[in-house]
Amino acid sequence: KLTLLDAELKKVTQRVNLFEKVIIPQTHEHIRRIRIALGDRMTAAVARAKMAKEKLEAEEQESPPEDASA
């Protein structure tokens, strides 16, 4: 029984080390990369929105509103 417990303890220890030293750090790195990518996309979306707004404002200034009473 002691030999079986020792073998199982070794397996569990290896799995714990795998998670602590490999899987969890990789996951943290993946999360960091995803956050950076999402931040970049949000920044680009804001920039596109500002450009579209400026374009609309420029078009409105170029063509004055037509008089509806005429």
Protein backbone atom coordinates (compact mmCIF):
# COMPACT_ATOMS: atom_id res chain seq x y z
CA LYS A 1 0.00 0.00 0.00
CA LEU A 2 2.80 2.36 0.81
CA THR A 3 4.35 1.81 -2.64
CA LEU A 4 1.02 2.56 -4.35
CA LEU A 5 0.57 5.72 -2.28
CA ASP A 6 4.11 6.81 -3.11
CA ALA A 7 3.48 6.31 -6.84
CA GLU A 8 0.20 8.23 -6.69
CA LEU A 9 1.84 11.03 -4.71
CA LYS A 10 4.50 11.28 -7.39
CA LYS A 11 1.83 11.57 -10.13
CA VAL A 12 -0.11 14.20 -8.22
CA THR A 13 3.06 16.16 -7.51
CA GLN A 14 3.97 16.10 -11.20
CA ARG A 15 0.51 17.34 -12.17
CA VAL A 16 0.60 20.12 -9.58
CA ASN A 17 4.03 21.20 -10.81
CA LEU A 18 2.79 21.12 -14.40
CA PHE A 19 -0.07 23.45 -13.55
CA GLU A 20 1.94 25.75 -11.29
CA LYS A 21 5.01 26.05 -13.50
CA VAL A 22 3.67 25.64 -17.04
CA ILE A 23 -0.08 25.86 -17.57
CA ILE A 24 -0.90 28.76 -15.24
CA PRO A 25 1.95 31.01 -16.47
CA GLN A 26 0.99 30.27 -20.10
CA THR A 27 -2.61 31.16 -19.34
CA HIS A 28 -1.56 34.44 -17.73
CA GLU A 29 0.49 35.27 -20.83
CA HIS A 30 -2.45 34.44 -23.11
CA ILE A 31 -4.75 36.64 -21.05
CA ARG A 32 -2.22 39.48 -21.24
CA ARG A 33 -2.02 39.17 -25.03
CA ILE A 34 -5.80 39.11 -25.36
CA ARG A 35 -6.11 42.25 -23.22
CA ILE A 36 -3.55 44.03 -25.39
CA ALA A 37 -5.35 42.98 -28.58
CA LEU A 38 -8.72 44.11 -27.22
CA GLY A 39 -7.23 47.43 -26.14
CA ASP A 40 -5.75 47.94 -29.60
CA ARG A 41 -9.11 47.16 -31.21
CA MET A 42 -10.92 49.59 -28.91
CA THR A 43 -8.39 52.32 -29.71
CA ALA A 44 -8.78 51.70 -33.43
CA ALA A 45 -12.57 51.77 -33.13
CA VAL A 46 -12.46 55.12 -31.33
CA ALA A 47 -10.12 56.51 -33.97
CA ARG A 48 -12.43 55.31 -36.77
CA ALA A 49 -15.44 56.85 -35.04
CA LYS A 50 -13.66 60.19 -34.67
CA MET A 51 -12.63 60.15 -38.32
CA ALA A 52 -16.18 59.34 -39.41
CA LYS A 53 -17.56 62.14 -37.24
CA GLU A 54 -15.06 64.63 -38.67
CA LYS A 55 -15.95 63.53 -42.20
CA LEU A 56 -19.69 63.98 -41.53
CA GLU A 57 -19.09 67.41 -40.00
CA ALA A 58 -16.97 68.45 -42.98
CA GLU A 59 -19.69 67.31 -45.39
CA GLU A 60 -22.32 69.24 -43.43
CA GLN A 61 -20.22 72.41 -43.59
CA GLU A 62 -19.62 72.07 -47.33
CA SER A 63 -23.29 71.74 -48.22
CA PRO A 64 -25.46 74.19 -46.29
CA PRO A 65 -28.87 72.87 -45.23
CA GLU A 66 -31.57 73.42 -47.81
CA ASP A 67 -34.44 75.73 -46.92
CA ALA A 68 -37.57 73.61 -46.45
CA SER A 69 -39.97 76.56 -46.94
CA ALA A 70 -38.94 77.21 -50.55
